[in-house]
Amino acid sequence: MSNSNPVSSASQAAIPTAGQVLEKLFTTTHRLHLLFEARLAEYGLPAFITGPRLRFLVTVAEAGTIRMGDMAVRSGIAPRTVTQFADALEQERLLLRLPDPEDRRSTLLRLTDKALPLMDRARSAMKESAEQVLGHLEPDKREQFHALLLLLGAAPAADAE
């Protein structure tokens, strides 16, 4: 007499491994990134406004003005990367670097007037992309998905051990 339960074995086989889930997350993220980049182009945003640069600009826009060091912390990126983004966006005349009146060793970032209409178009593109990707999900499924993303984002990093 066998102790194996065929229903239990079948349901276990259907459960994806952590590696399979991560692989699906990466491929889905890549597909969504391409879709978003295409939507930005449809809205007439220049090709140099990539997803990461747009997130950078959005963070500056939300802050009004922000120290470069605070930008690194808030964005979770290295200070060197903040400098690279600031260099590129300043060259495109979308970002200003200003002396910090409270700390002369610090530099503040602020959007230029040229950036504001681009940000409006980018927000429209983001909203439309979000609806295209997530609009078909029922509210409870969207809530579950959001909760899972928060849980995944809060998982301890390997280097935090």
C-alpha atoms as a PDB file:
ATOM      1  CA  MET A   1       0.000   0.000   0.000  1.00  0.00           C
ATOM      2  CA  SER A   2       1.440   3.352  -1.050  1.00  0.00           C
ATOM      3  CA  ASN A   3       1.343   6.487   1.081  1.00  0.00           C
ATOM      4  CA  SER A   4       1.649   8.827  -1.889  1.00  0.00           C
ATOM      5  CA  ASN A   5      -1.372  10.935  -2.632  1.00  0.00           C
ATOM      6  CA  PRO A   6      -1.724  11.574  -6.396  1.00  0.00           C
ATOM      7  CA  VAL A   7      -3.712  14.788  -5.847  1.00  0.00           C
ATOM      8  CA  SER A   8      -1.074  16.155  -3.478  1.00  0.00           C
ATOM      9  CA  SER A   9       1.724  15.211  -5.892  1.00  0.00           C
ATOM     10  CA  ALA A  10      -0.082  16.851  -8.808  1.00  0.00           C
ATOM     11  CA  SER A  11      -0.699  20.082  -6.918  1.00  0.00           C
ATOM     12  CA  GLN A  12       2.927  20.196  -5.741  1.00  0.00           C
ATOM     13  CA  ALA A  13       4.106  19.775  -9.332  1.00  0.00           C
ATOM     14  CA  ALA A  14       1.958  22.786 -10.326  1.00  0.00           C
ATOM     15  CA  ILE A  15       3.576  25.037  -7.723  1.00  0.00           C
ATOM     16  CA  PRO A  16       6.383  26.947  -9.438  1.00  0.00           C
ATOM     17  CA  THR A  17       9.793  27.052  -7.837  1.00  0.00           C
ATOM     18  CA  ALA A  18      11.189  30.333  -6.538  1.00  0.00           C
ATOM     19  CA  GLY A  19      13.513  30.356  -9.549  1.00  0.00           C
ATOM     20  CA  GLN A  20      10.614  29.963 -11.973  1.00  0.00           C
ATOM     21  CA  VAL A  21       8.714  32.787 -10.293  1.00  0.00           C
ATOM     22  CA  LEU A  22      11.763  35.044 -10.405  1.00  0.00           C
ATOM     23  CA  GLU A  23      12.347  34.194 -14.071  1.00  0.00           C
ATOM     24  CA  LYS A  24       8.714  35.081 -14.845  1.00  0.00           C
ATOM     25  CA  LEU A  25       9.075  38.319 -12.869  1.00  0.00           C
ATOM     26  CA  PHE A  26      12.173  39.284 -14.885  1.00  0.00           C
ATOM     27  CA  THR A  27      10.624  38.489 -18.273  1.00  0.00           C
ATOM     28  CA  THR A  28       7.387  40.265 -17.359  1.00  0.00           C
ATOM     29  CA  THR A  29       9.271  43.297 -16.073  1.00  0.00           C
ATOM     30  CA  HIS A  30      11.263  43.446 -19.304  1.00  0.00           C
ATOM     31  CA  ARG A  31       8.079  43.247 -21.389  1.00  0.00           C
ATOM     32  CA  LEU A  32       6.434  45.977 -19.300  1.00  0.00           C
ATOM     33  CA  HIS A  33       9.533  48.148 -19.611  1.00  0.00           C
ATOM     34  CA  LEU A  34       9.432  47.869 -23.415  1.00  0.00           C
ATOM     35  CA  LEU A  35       5.712  48.650 -23.451  1.00  0.00           C
ATOM     36  CA  PHE A  36       6.275  51.703 -21.256  1.00  0.00           C
ATOM     37  CA  GLU A  37       9.169  52.965 -23.405  1.00  0.00           C
ATOM     38  CA  ALA A  38       6.942  52.629 -26.494  1.00  0.00           C
ATOM     39  CA  ARG A  39       4.163  54.559 -24.751  1.00  0.00           C
ATOM     40  CA  LEU A  40       6.615  57.355 -23.843  1.00  0.00           C
ATOM     41  CA  ALA A  41       7.617  57.584 -27.514  1.00  0.00           C
ATOM     42  CA  GLU A  42       3.940  57.749 -28.556  1.00  0.00           C
ATOM     43  CA  TYR A  43       3.544  60.742 -26.261  1.00  0.00           C
ATOM     44  CA  GLY A  44       6.451  62.454 -27.987  1.00  0.00           C
ATOM     45  CA  LEU A  45       8.978  62.150 -25.204  1.00  0.00           C
ATOM     46  CA  PRO A  46      12.565  62.197 -26.445  1.00  0.00           C
ATOM     47  CA  ALA A  47      14.456  58.904 -26.492  1.00  0.00           C
ATOM     48  CA  PHE A  48      16.839  60.090 -23.771  1.00  0.00           C
ATOM     49  CA  ILE A  49      13.904  60.060 -21.307  1.00  0.00           C
ATOM     50  CA  THR A  50      14.235  56.442 -20.254  1.00  0.00           C
ATOM     51  CA  GLY A  51      12.302  54.801 -17.432  1.00  0.00           C
ATOM     52  CA  PRO A  52      15.109  55.260 -14.874  1.00  0.00           C
ATOM     53  CA  ARG A  53      15.668  58.884 -15.877  1.00  0.00           C
ATOM     54  CA  LEU A  54      11.948  59.508 -15.671  1.00  0.00           C
ATOM     55  CA  ARG A  55      11.815  58.038 -12.148  1.00  0.00           C
ATOM     56  CA  PHE A  56      14.711  60.348 -11.284  1.00  0.00           C
ATOM     57  CA  LEU A  57      12.846  63.380 -12.663  1.00  0.00           C
ATOM     58  CA  VAL A  58       9.632  62.379 -10.881  1.00  0.00           C
ATOM     59  CA  THR A  59      11.506  62.182  -7.575  1.00  0.00           C
ATOM     60  CA  VAL A  60      12.958  65.656  -8.127  1.00  0.00           C
ATOM     61  CA  ALA A  61       9.522  66.973  -9.145  1.00  0.00           C
ATOM     62  CA  GLU A  62       7.907  65.546  -6.009  1.00  0.00           C
ATOM     63  CA  ALA A  63      10.579  67.113  -3.807  1.00  0.00           C
ATOM     64  CA  GLY A  64      10.641  70.493  -5.562  1.00  0.00           C
ATOM     65  CA  THR A  65      14.328  70.799  -4.742  1.00  0.00           C
ATOM     66  CA  ILE A  66      16.433  68.016  -3.308  1.00  0.00           C
ATOM     67  CA  ARG A  67      20.049  67.583  -2.265  1.00  0.00           C
ATOM     68  CA  MET A  68      21.989  65.179  -4.440  1.00  0.00           C
ATOM     69  CA  GLY A  69      22.886  63.075  -1.387  1.00  0.00           C
ATOM     70  CA  ASP A  70      19.236  62.883  -0.339  1.00  0.00           C
ATOM     71  CA  MET A  71      18.361  61.913  -3.899  1.00  0.00           C
ATOM     72  CA  ALA A  72      20.685  58.918  -3.664  1.00  0.00           C
ATOM     73  CA  VAL A  73      19.069  57.789  -0.414  1.00  0.00           C
ATOM     74  CA  ARG A  74      15.482  58.377  -1.556  1.00  0.00           C
ATOM     75  CA  SER A  75      16.053  56.654  -4.905  1.00  0.00           C
ATOM     76  CA  GLY A  76      18.141  53.812  -3.511  1.00  0.00           C
ATOM     77  CA  ILE A  77      20.933  54.477  -5.995  1.00  0.00           C
ATOM     78  CA  ALA A  78      24.622  55.180  -5.580  1.00  0.00           C
ATOM     79  CA  PRO A  79      25.751  58.816  -5.327  1.00  0.00           C
ATOM     80  CA  ARG A  80      27.830  58.275  -8.483  1.00  0.00           C
ATOM     81  CA  THR A  81      24.664  57.267 -10.355  1.00  0.00           C
ATOM     82  CA  VAL A  82      22.904  60.415  -9.126  1.00  0.00           C
ATOM     83  CA  THR A  83      25.791  62.421 -10.575  1.00  0.00           C
ATOM     84  CA  GLN A  84      25.538  60.576 -13.905  1.00  0.00           C
ATOM     85  CA  PHE A  85      21.774  61.163 -14.114  1.00  0.00           C
ATOM     86  CA  ALA A  86      22.190  64.813 -13.102  1.00  0.00           C
ATOM     87  CA  ASP A  87      24.933  65.308 -15.723  1.00  0.00           C
ATOM     88  CA  ALA A  88      22.790  63.847 -18.509  1.00  0.00           C
ATOM     89  CA  LEU A  89      19.584  65.644 -17.526  1.00  0.00           C
ATOM     90  CA  GLU A  90      21.386  68.940 -16.995  1.00  0.00           C
ATOM     91  CA  GLN A  91      22.924  68.601 -20.464  1.00  0.00           C
ATOM     92  CA  GLU A  92      19.391  68.190 -21.871  1.00  0.00           C
ATOM     93  CA  ARG A  93      18.359  71.310 -19.915  1.00  0.00           C
ATOM     94  CA  LEU A  94      15.799  69.449 -17.810  1.00  0.00           C
ATOM     95  CA  LEU A  95      17.588  69.802 -14.496  1.00  0.00           C
ATOM     96  CA  LEU A  96      19.331  72.610 -12.646  1.00  0.00           C
ATOM     97  CA  ARG A  97      22.058  72.273 -10.050  1.00  0.00           C
ATOM     98  CA  LEU A  98      21.916  74.992  -7.435  1.00  0.00           C
ATOM     99  CA  PRO A  99      24.109  75.770  -4.448  1.00  0.00           C
ATOM    100  CA  ASP A 100      22.479  74.778  -1.171  1.00  0.00           C
ATOM    101  CA  PRO A 101      22.108  77.970   0.887  1.00  0.00           C
ATOM    102  CA  GLU A 102      22.156  75.924   4.108  1.00  0.00           C
ATOM    103  CA  ASP A 103      25.215  73.804   3.276  1.00  0.00           C
ATOM    104  CA  ARG A 104      27.748  75.100   0.777  1.00  0.00           C
ATOM    105  CA  ARG A 105      29.166  71.582   0.338  1.00  0.00           C
ATOM    106  CA  SER A 106      25.819  70.329  -0.971  1.00  0.00           C
ATOM    107  CA  THR A 107      24.164  70.788  -4.325  1.00  0.00           C
ATOM    108  CA  LEU A 108      20.429  71.018  -4.869  1.00  0.00           C
ATOM    109  CA  LEU A 109      18.582  69.628  -7.878  1.00  0.00           C
ATOM    110  CA  ARG A 110      15.502  71.269  -9.375  1.00  0.00           C
ATOM    111  CA  LEU A 111      13.569  70.785 -12.608  1.00  0.00           C
ATOM    112  CA  THR A 112      13.749  73.447 -15.291  1.00  0.00           C
ATOM    113  CA  ASP A 113      10.740  75.001 -16.974  1.00  0.00           C
ATOM    114  CA  LYS A 114      11.560  72.856 -20.017  1.00  0.00           C
ATOM    115  CA  ALA A 115      11.050  69.699 -17.928  1.00  0.00           C
ATOM    116  CA  LEU A 116       7.537  70.550 -16.748  1.00  0.00           C
ATOM    117  CA  PRO A 117       5.619  69.874 -20.008  1.00  0.00           C
ATOM    118  CA  LEU A 118       7.636  66.681 -20.504  1.00  0.00           C
ATOM    119  CA  MET A 119       6.643  65.566 -17.018  1.00  0.00           C
ATOM    120  CA  ASP A 120       2.959  66.179 -17.799  1.00  0.00           C
ATOM    121  CA  ARG A 121       3.190  64.040 -20.944  1.00  0.00           C
ATOM    122  CA  ALA A 122       5.144  61.387 -19.060  1.00  0.00           C
ATOM    123  CA  ARG A 123       2.476  61.228 -16.338  1.00  0.00           C
ATOM    124  CA  SER A 124      -0.181  60.723 -19.014  1.00  0.00           C
ATOM    125  CA  ALA A 125       1.901  57.963 -20.588  1.00  0.00           C
ATOM    126  CA  MET A 126       2.436  56.319 -17.184  1.00  0.00           C
ATOM    127  CA  LYS A 127      -1.286  56.449 -16.380  1.00  0.00           C
ATOM    128  CA  GLU A 128      -2.220  54.973 -19.755  1.00  0.00           C
ATOM    129  CA  SER A 129       0.441  52.260 -19.467  1.00  0.00           C
ATOM    130  CA  ALA A 130      -0.738  51.338 -15.987  1.00  0.00           C
ATOM    131  CA  GLU A 131      -4.318  51.012 -17.200  1.00  0.00           C
ATOM    132  CA  GLN A 132      -3.237  48.934 -20.183  1.00  0.00           C
ATOM    133  CA  VAL A 133      -1.270  46.547 -17.981  1.00  0.00           C
ATOM    134  CA  LEU A 134      -3.363  46.421 -14.813  1.00  0.00           C
ATOM    135  CA  GLY A 135      -6.779  47.668 -15.893  1.00  0.00           C
ATOM    136  CA  HIS A 136      -8.095  44.160 -16.518  1.00  0.00           C
ATOM    137  CA  LEU A 137      -7.382  43.069 -12.943  1.00  0.00           C
ATOM    138  CA  GLU A 138     -10.294  43.065 -10.533  1.00  0.00           C
ATOM    139  CA  PRO A 139      -9.717  45.450  -7.600  1.00  0.00           C
ATOM    140  CA  ASP A 140      -9.124  42.576  -5.149  1.00  0.00           C
ATOM    141  CA  LYS A 141      -6.536  41.009  -7.481  1.00  0.00           C
ATOM    142  CA  ARG A 142      -4.823  44.374  -7.902  1.00  0.00           C
ATOM    143  CA  GLU A 143      -4.758  44.763  -4.122  1.00  0.00           C
ATOM    144  CA  GLN A 144      -3.264  41.260  -3.734  1.00  0.00           C
ATOM    145  CA  PHE A 145      -0.669  41.984  -6.404  1.00  0.00           C
ATOM    146  CA  HIS A 146       0.279  45.249  -4.703  1.00  0.00           C
ATOM    147  CA  ALA A 147       0.580  43.497  -1.338  1.00  0.00           C
ATOM    148  CA  LEU A 148       2.842  40.840  -2.875  1.00  0.00           C
ATOM    149  CA  LEU A 149       5.052  43.503  -4.468  1.00  0.00           C
ATOM    150  CA  LEU A 150       5.349  45.294  -1.117  1.00  0.00           C
ATOM    151  CA  LEU A 151       6.241  42.008   0.550  1.00  0.00           C
ATOM    152  CA  LEU A 152       8.802  41.226  -2.128  1.00  0.00           C
ATOM    153  CA  GLY A 153      10.279  44.718  -1.889  1.00  0.00           C
ATOM    154  CA  ALA A 154      10.611  44.399   1.886  1.00  0.00           C
ATOM    155  CA  ALA A 155      12.491  41.082   1.690  1.00  0.00           C
ATOM    156  CA  PRO A 156      15.962  41.367   3.211  1.00  0.00           C
ATOM    157  CA  ALA A 157      18.719  41.837   0.661  1.00  0.00           C
ATOM    158  CA  ALA A 158      21.465  39.222   0.413  1.00  0.00           C
ATOM    159  CA  ASP A 159      24.097  41.768   1.438  1.00  0.00           C
ATOM    160  CA  ALA A 160      22.126  42.725   4.563  1.00  0.00           C
ATOM    161  CA  GLU A 161      22.990  39.476   6.316  1.00  0.00           C
END
